[in-house]
Amino acid sequence: MQVFINQAIGVDQGDDVLFSDYEDGGTMWTGSGARERRKKITFATEFKDEPVVHVSMSLWDMDSATNARADVTAEKITRTGFDVVFRTWSDTRVARVRVRWLAIGAAFHEDDWQDVY
């Protein structure tokens, strides 16, 4: 748990298309090849420390002939961004995925003390 005391709190959010494979016969739609997709997300403003990041699917378009299997997570979280990662497995066919994310953490503020050299 992060506890914030007497400091600025930053909140950044987004809704990003991770992939759309049904249009061009990509590997997620054909069910062969890589079963993982990553996308680098960059925050609008750098956080003071690594924020807490929550990700979820805001759109998923799956083939109804196979089981819907999906895992979405945030990895490599830094003060400037993170990787959103979608994984599926077995015979699942995924046409497209959009992810919504929310980052909350300590933010820089104009009243912060800064070292002057």
N, C-alpha and C. Protein backbone atom coordinates (compact mmCIF):
# COMPACT_ATOMS: atom_id res chain seq x y z
N MET A 1 0.83 -1.17 0.00
CA MET A 1 0.00 0.00 0.00
C MET A 1 0.88 1.24 0.00
N GLN A 2 0.49 2.22 -0.77
CA GLN A 2 1.17 3.50 -0.73
C GLN A 2 0.34 4.45 0.12
N VAL A 3 1.02 5.20 0.99
CA VAL A 3 0.36 6.19 1.84
C VAL A 3 0.92 7.55 1.44
N PHE A 4 0.04 8.50 1.16
CA PHE A 4 0.45 9.84 0.74
C PHE A 4 0.14 10.82 1.87
N ILE A 5 1.18 11.51 2.33
CA ILE A 5 1.00 12.48 3.40
C ILE A 5 1.59 13.81 2.93
N ASN A 6 0.76 14.83 2.91
CA ASN A 6 1.22 16.19 2.62
C ASN A 6 2.03 16.29 1.33
N GLN A 7 1.53 15.71 0.28
CA GLN A 7 2.22 15.85 -1.00
C GLN A 7 1.20 15.86 -2.14
N ALA A 8 1.66 16.31 -3.27
CA ALA A 8 0.79 16.33 -4.45
C ALA A 8 0.59 14.90 -4.96
N ILE A 9 -0.63 14.60 -5.36
CA ILE A 9 -0.95 13.29 -5.90
C ILE A 9 -1.32 13.47 -7.37
N GLY A 10 -0.67 12.70 -8.24
CA GLY A 10 -0.94 12.77 -9.67
C GLY A 10 -1.80 11.59 -10.10
N VAL A 11 -2.70 11.86 -11.02
CA VAL A 11 -3.54 10.82 -11.62
C VAL A 11 -3.46 10.98 -13.13
N ASP A 12 -3.10 9.91 -13.81
CA ASP A 12 -3.07 9.91 -15.27
C ASP A 12 -3.88 8.70 -15.73
N GLN A 13 -4.49 8.80 -16.90
CA GLN A 13 -5.31 7.70 -17.39
C GLN A 13 -5.33 7.70 -18.90
N GLY A 14 -5.72 6.57 -19.46
CA GLY A 14 -5.81 6.47 -20.91
C GLY A 14 -6.63 5.28 -21.33
N ASP A 15 -6.94 5.23 -22.60
CA ASP A 15 -7.70 4.15 -23.22
C ASP A 15 -7.05 3.92 -24.57
N ASP A 16 -6.33 2.81 -24.71
CA ASP A 16 -5.50 2.59 -25.88
C ASP A 16 -5.83 1.27 -26.57
N VAL A 17 -5.89 1.30 -27.90
CA VAL A 17 -6.03 0.06 -28.67
C VAL A 17 -4.70 -0.66 -28.59
N LEU A 18 -4.73 -1.90 -28.13
CA LEU A 18 -3.51 -2.70 -28.02
C LEU A 18 -3.20 -3.37 -29.35
N PHE A 19 -4.23 -3.93 -29.99
CA PHE A 19 -4.07 -4.50 -31.32
C PHE A 19 -5.44 -4.71 -31.95
N SER A 20 -5.43 -4.86 -33.27
CA SER A 20 -6.64 -5.14 -34.04
C SER A 20 -6.23 -6.09 -35.16
N ASP A 21 -6.24 -7.39 -34.87
CA ASP A 21 -5.69 -8.39 -35.79
C ASP A 21 -6.67 -8.95 -36.80
N TYR A 22 -7.96 -8.74 -36.60
CA TYR A 22 -8.93 -9.33 -37.53
C TYR A 22 -8.89 -8.66 -38.90
N GLU A 23 -8.48 -7.42 -38.97
CA GLU A 23 -8.47 -6.67 -40.23
C GLU A 23 -7.43 -7.19 -41.22
N ASP A 24 -6.29 -7.67 -40.68
CA ASP A 24 -5.20 -8.07 -41.57
C ASP A 24 -4.71 -9.50 -41.33
N GLY A 25 -5.52 -10.30 -40.63
CA GLY A 25 -5.14 -11.70 -40.42
C GLY A 25 -3.94 -11.88 -39.51
N GLY A 26 -3.84 -11.01 -38.49
CA GLY A 26 -2.71 -11.08 -37.56
C GLY A 26 -2.73 -12.33 -36.71
N THR A 27 -1.63 -12.55 -36.00
CA THR A 27 -1.43 -13.81 -35.27
C THR A 27 -2.44 -14.04 -34.15
N MET A 28 -2.90 -13.00 -33.50
CA MET A 28 -3.90 -13.20 -32.44
C MET A 28 -5.22 -13.71 -33.02
N TRP A 29 -5.55 -13.26 -34.23
CA TRP A 29 -6.80 -13.68 -34.86
C TRP A 29 -6.68 -15.07 -35.50
N THR A 30 -5.56 -15.37 -36.09
CA THR A 30 -5.39 -16.68 -36.72
C THR A 30 -5.14 -17.77 -35.70
N GLY A 31 -4.70 -17.39 -34.49
CA GLY A 31 -4.45 -18.37 -33.44
C GLY A 31 -3.10 -19.05 -33.55
N SER A 32 -2.24 -18.54 -34.41
CA SER A 32 -0.89 -19.11 -34.53
C SER A 32 0.12 -17.99 -34.38
N GLY A 33 1.26 -18.32 -33.82
CA GLY A 33 2.28 -17.30 -33.62
C GLY A 33 2.27 -16.79 -32.20
N ALA A 34 2.79 -15.58 -32.02
CA ALA A 34 2.93 -14.99 -30.68
C ALA A 34 1.58 -14.88 -29.99
N ARG A 35 1.52 -15.24 -28.73
CA ARG A 35 0.29 -15.18 -27.95
C ARG A 35 0.37 -14.10 -26.89
N GLU A 36 1.26 -13.13 -27.11
CA GLU A 36 1.44 -12.01 -26.19
C GLU A 36 1.64 -10.74 -27.00
N ARG A 37 1.06 -9.66 -26.52
CA ARG A 37 1.28 -8.33 -27.11
C ARG A 37 1.62 -7.36 -25.99
N ARG A 38 2.56 -6.47 -26.29
CA ARG A 38 2.99 -5.43 -25.36
C ARG A 38 2.88 -4.07 -26.03
N LYS A 39 2.58 -3.08 -25.22
CA LYS A 39 2.59 -1.70 -25.72
C LYS A 39 3.14 -0.81 -24.62
N LYS A 40 4.11 0.03 -24.99
CA LYS A 40 4.70 0.99 -24.06
C LYS A 40 3.75 2.17 -23.90
N ILE A 41 3.39 2.47 -22.67
CA ILE A 41 2.54 3.62 -22.36
C ILE A 41 3.43 4.66 -21.67
N THR A 42 3.36 5.90 -22.13
CA THR A 42 4.13 6.99 -21.54
C THR A 42 3.17 7.95 -20.86
N PHE A 43 3.45 8.26 -19.60
CA PHE A 43 2.60 9.18 -18.85
C PHE A 43 2.72 10.60 -19.41
N ALA A 44 1.67 11.39 -19.24
CA ALA A 44 1.67 12.78 -19.71
C ALA A 44 2.73 13.60 -18.98
N THR A 45 2.93 13.29 -17.69
CA THR A 45 3.92 13.98 -16.86
C THR A 45 4.59 12.94 -15.98
N GLU A 46 5.86 13.09 -15.74
CA GLU A 46 6.60 12.15 -14.89
C GLU A 46 6.11 12.21 -13.45
N PHE A 47 5.98 11.05 -12.83
CA PHE A 47 5.64 10.98 -11.41
C PHE A 47 6.91 11.14 -10.58
N LYS A 48 6.75 11.47 -9.31
CA LYS A 48 7.88 11.62 -8.39
C LYS A 48 8.50 10.25 -8.06
N ASP A 49 7.67 9.24 -7.91
CA ASP A 49 8.08 7.86 -7.68
C ASP A 49 7.23 6.98 -8.59
N GLU A 50 7.52 5.67 -8.62
CA GLU A 50 6.72 4.77 -9.44
C GLU A 50 5.27 4.78 -8.91
N PRO A 51 4.31 5.03 -9.78
CA PRO A 51 2.91 5.06 -9.34
C PRO A 51 2.32 3.66 -9.26
N VAL A 52 1.15 3.58 -8.71
CA VAL A 52 0.35 2.37 -8.76
C VAL A 52 -0.41 2.41 -10.08
N VAL A 53 -0.40 1.32 -10.84
CA VAL A 53 -1.05 1.29 -12.15
C VAL A 53 -2.08 0.17 -12.18
N HIS A 54 -3.27 0.51 -12.62
CA HIS A 54 -4.35 -0.47 -12.80
C HIS A 54 -4.69 -0.53 -14.28
N VAL A 55 -4.81 -1.73 -14.84
CA VAL A 55 -5.21 -1.90 -16.24
C VAL A 55 -6.40 -2.86 -16.32
N SER A 56 -7.25 -2.63 -17.30
CA SER A 56 -8.37 -3.53 -17.56
C SER A 56 -8.70 -3.45 -19.05
N MET A 57 -9.40 -4.45 -19.53
CA MET A 57 -9.82 -4.42 -20.93
C MET A 57 -11.10 -3.59 -21.03
N SER A 58 -11.09 -2.61 -21.90
CA SER A 58 -12.29 -1.80 -22.14
C SER A 58 -13.02 -2.27 -23.39
N LEU A 59 -12.36 -3.12 -24.19
CA LEU A 59 -12.99 -3.76 -25.33
C LEU A 59 -12.25 -5.05 -25.61
N TRP A 60 -12.99 -6.12 -25.77
CA TRP A 60 -12.38 -7.36 -26.24
C TRP A 60 -13.32 -8.00 -27.22
N ASP A 61 -12.78 -8.38 -28.33
CA ASP A 61 -13.54 -8.98 -29.43
C ASP A 61 -12.92 -10.34 -29.69
N MET A 62 -13.62 -11.39 -29.24
CA MET A 62 -13.11 -12.76 -29.31
C MET A 62 -13.98 -13.61 -30.22
N ASP A 63 -13.37 -14.61 -30.83
CA ASP A 63 -14.09 -15.59 -31.63
C ASP A 63 -14.96 -16.43 -30.70
N SER A 64 -16.23 -16.61 -31.05
CA SER A 64 -17.14 -17.37 -30.18
C SER A 64 -17.00 -18.89 -30.35
N ALA A 65 -16.22 -19.34 -31.31
CA ALA A 65 -16.05 -20.78 -31.53
C ALA A 65 -15.02 -21.40 -30.58
N THR A 66 -14.24 -20.57 -29.88
CA THR A 66 -13.22 -21.07 -28.96
C THR A 66 -13.43 -20.42 -27.60
N ASN A 67 -12.77 -20.95 -26.59
CA ASN A 67 -12.84 -20.36 -25.25
C ASN A 67 -12.17 -19.00 -25.24
N ALA A 68 -12.75 -18.08 -24.46
CA ALA A 68 -12.17 -16.75 -24.29
C ALA A 68 -11.19 -16.81 -23.13
N ARG A 69 -9.91 -16.67 -23.43
CA ARG A 69 -8.85 -16.71 -22.42
C ARG A 69 -8.04 -15.42 -22.55
N ALA A 70 -7.89 -14.71 -21.45
CA ALA A 70 -7.16 -13.45 -21.52
C ALA A 70 -6.54 -13.10 -20.17
N ASP A 71 -5.37 -12.49 -20.25
CA ASP A 71 -4.67 -11.97 -19.08
C ASP A 71 -4.12 -10.61 -19.49
N VAL A 72 -4.43 -9.57 -18.72
CA VAL A 72 -3.91 -8.24 -19.01
C VAL A 72 -3.29 -7.69 -17.73
N THR A 73 -2.09 -7.11 -17.87
CA THR A 73 -1.35 -6.64 -16.70
C THR A 73 -0.44 -5.47 -17.06
N ALA A 74 0.06 -4.79 -16.03
CA ALA A 74 1.05 -3.73 -16.19
C ALA A 74 2.39 -4.27 -15.73
N GLU A 75 3.43 -4.08 -16.54
CA GLU A 75 4.78 -4.52 -16.19
C GLU A 75 5.76 -3.39 -16.45
N LYS A 76 6.94 -3.51 -15.87
CA LYS A 76 8.02 -2.53 -16.05
C LYS A 76 7.55 -1.11 -15.74
N ILE A 77 6.89 -0.94 -14.60
CA ILE A 77 6.37 0.38 -14.21
C ILE A 77 7.53 1.26 -13.75
N THR A 78 7.60 2.45 -14.32
CA THR A 78 8.60 3.45 -13.94
C THR A 78 7.89 4.78 -13.68
N ARG A 79 8.65 5.80 -13.37
CA ARG A 79 8.07 7.12 -13.14
C ARG A 79 7.53 7.74 -14.44
N THR A 80 8.00 7.25 -15.58
CA THR A 80 7.61 7.85 -16.86
C THR A 80 6.63 7.01 -17.67
N GLY A 81 6.40 5.75 -17.27
CA GLY A 81 5.47 4.93 -18.04
C GLY A 81 5.51 3.47 -17.62
N PHE A 82 4.92 2.62 -18.44
CA PHE A 82 4.86 1.19 -18.15
C PHE A 82 4.54 0.44 -19.44
N ASP A 83 4.66 -0.88 -19.37
CA ASP A 83 4.24 -1.74 -20.47
C ASP A 83 2.91 -2.36 -20.11
N VAL A 84 1.92 -2.24 -20.98
CA VAL A 84 0.69 -2.99 -20.80
C VAL A 84 0.87 -4.28 -21.60
N VAL A 85 0.52 -5.41 -20.98
CA VAL A 85 0.77 -6.71 -21.59
C VAL A 85 -0.54 -7.50 -21.64
N PHE A 86 -0.85 -8.01 -22.84
CA PHE A 86 -2.01 -8.89 -23.02
C PHE A 86 -1.48 -10.27 -23.41
N ARG A 87 -2.02 -11.29 -22.77
CA ARG A 87 -1.64 -12.67 -23.09
C ARG A 87 -2.89 -13.51 -23.26
N THR A 88 -2.82 -14.46 -24.18
CA THR A 88 -3.83 -15.49 -24.33
C THR A 88 -3.11 -16.80 -24.59
N TRP A 89 -3.84 -17.90 -24.65
CA TRP A 89 -3.20 -19.19 -24.84
C TRP A 89 -4.17 -20.17 -25.49
N SER A 90 -3.61 -21.32 -25.83
CA SER A 90 -4.34 -22.42 -26.45
C SER A 90 -4.95 -21.96 -27.77
N ASP A 91 -6.21 -22.33 -28.05
CA ASP A 91 -6.82 -22.06 -29.35
C ASP A 91 -7.63 -20.76 -29.40
N THR A 92 -7.54 -19.94 -28.36
CA THR A 92 -8.29 -18.68 -28.32
C THR A 92 -7.91 -17.79 -29.49
N ARG A 93 -8.93 -17.24 -30.14
CA ARG A 93 -8.71 -16.31 -31.26
C ARG A 93 -9.25 -14.95 -30.85
N VAL A 94 -8.37 -13.94 -30.91
CA VAL A 94 -8.70 -12.60 -30.46
C VAL A 94 -8.64 -11.64 -31.64
N ALA A 95 -9.75 -10.99 -31.91
CA ALA A 95 -9.81 -10.04 -33.02
C ALA A 95 -9.17 -8.71 -32.65
N ARG A 96 -9.54 -8.19 -31.47
CA ARG A 96 -8.97 -6.90 -31.05
C ARG A 96 -9.16 -6.70 -29.55
N VAL A 97 -8.29 -5.87 -29.01
CA VAL A 97 -8.33 -5.55 -27.59
C VAL A 97 -7.99 -4.08 -27.41
N ARG A 98 -8.78 -3.43 -26.55
CA ARG A 98 -8.48 -2.06 -26.11
C ARG A 98 -8.36 -2.11 -24.60
N VAL A 99 -7.40 -1.39 -24.04
CA VAL A 99 -7.19 -1.38 -22.60
C VAL A 99 -7.35 0.02 -22.03
N ARG A 100 -7.94 0.08 -20.85
CA ARG A 100 -8.05 1.33 -20.09
C ARG A 100 -7.10 1.20 -18.92
N TRP A 101 -6.38 2.28 -18.63
CA TRP A 101 -5.42 2.26 -17.53
C TRP A 101 -5.54 3.50 -16.67
N LEU A 102 -5.11 3.35 -15.42
CA LEU A 102 -5.16 4.43 -14.45
C LEU A 102 -3.89 4.35 -13.60
N ALA A 103 -3.18 5.46 -13.50
CA ALA A 103 -1.96 5.53 -12.69
C ALA A 103 -2.14 6.60 -11.62
N ILE A 104 -1.81 6.24 -10.38
CA ILE A 104 -1.95 7.16 -9.25
C ILE A 104 -0.66 7.11 -8.45
N GLY A 105 -0.10 8.29 -8.17
CA GLY A 105 1.14 8.32 -7.39
C GLY A 105 1.55 9.72 -7.00
N ALA A 106 2.65 9.79 -6.27
CA ALA A 106 3.19 11.07 -5.84
C ALA A 106 3.63 11.87 -7.07
N ALA A 107 3.30 13.15 -7.05
CA ALA A 107 3.61 14.02 -8.19
C ALA A 107 4.50 15.18 -7.74
N PHE A 108 5.21 15.73 -8.68
CA PHE A 108 6.00 16.93 -8.40
C PHE A 108 5.04 18.11 -8.27
N HIS A 109 5.43 19.06 -7.42
CA HIS A 109 4.62 20.26 -7.21
C HIS A 109 5.53 21.47 -7.23
N GLU A 110 5.01 22.59 -7.65
CA GLU A 110 5.84 23.80 -7.76
C GLU A 110 6.41 24.25 -6.41
N ASP A 111 5.79 23.84 -5.30
CA ASP A 111 6.29 24.21 -3.97
C ASP A 111 7.34 23.24 -3.42
N ASP A 112 7.67 22.17 -4.18
CA ASP A 112 8.69 21.23 -3.71
C ASP A 112 10.04 21.92 -3.63
N TRP A 113 10.83 21.55 -2.60
CA TRP A 113 12.19 22.07 -2.49
C TRP A 113 13.02 21.43 -3.59
N GLN A 114 13.83 22.22 -4.25
CA GLN A 114 14.68 21.71 -5.32
C GLN A 114 16.11 22.14 -5.05
N ASP A 115 17.04 21.22 -5.31
CA ASP A 115 18.45 21.55 -5.18
C ASP A 115 18.86 22.51 -6.29
N VAL A 116 19.60 23.54 -5.94
CA VAL A 116 20.08 24.50 -6.93
C VAL A 116 21.60 24.41 -6.95
N TYR A 117 22.16 24.19 -8.12
CA TYR A 117 23.60 24.06 -8.26
C TYR A 117 24.18 25.21 -9.02
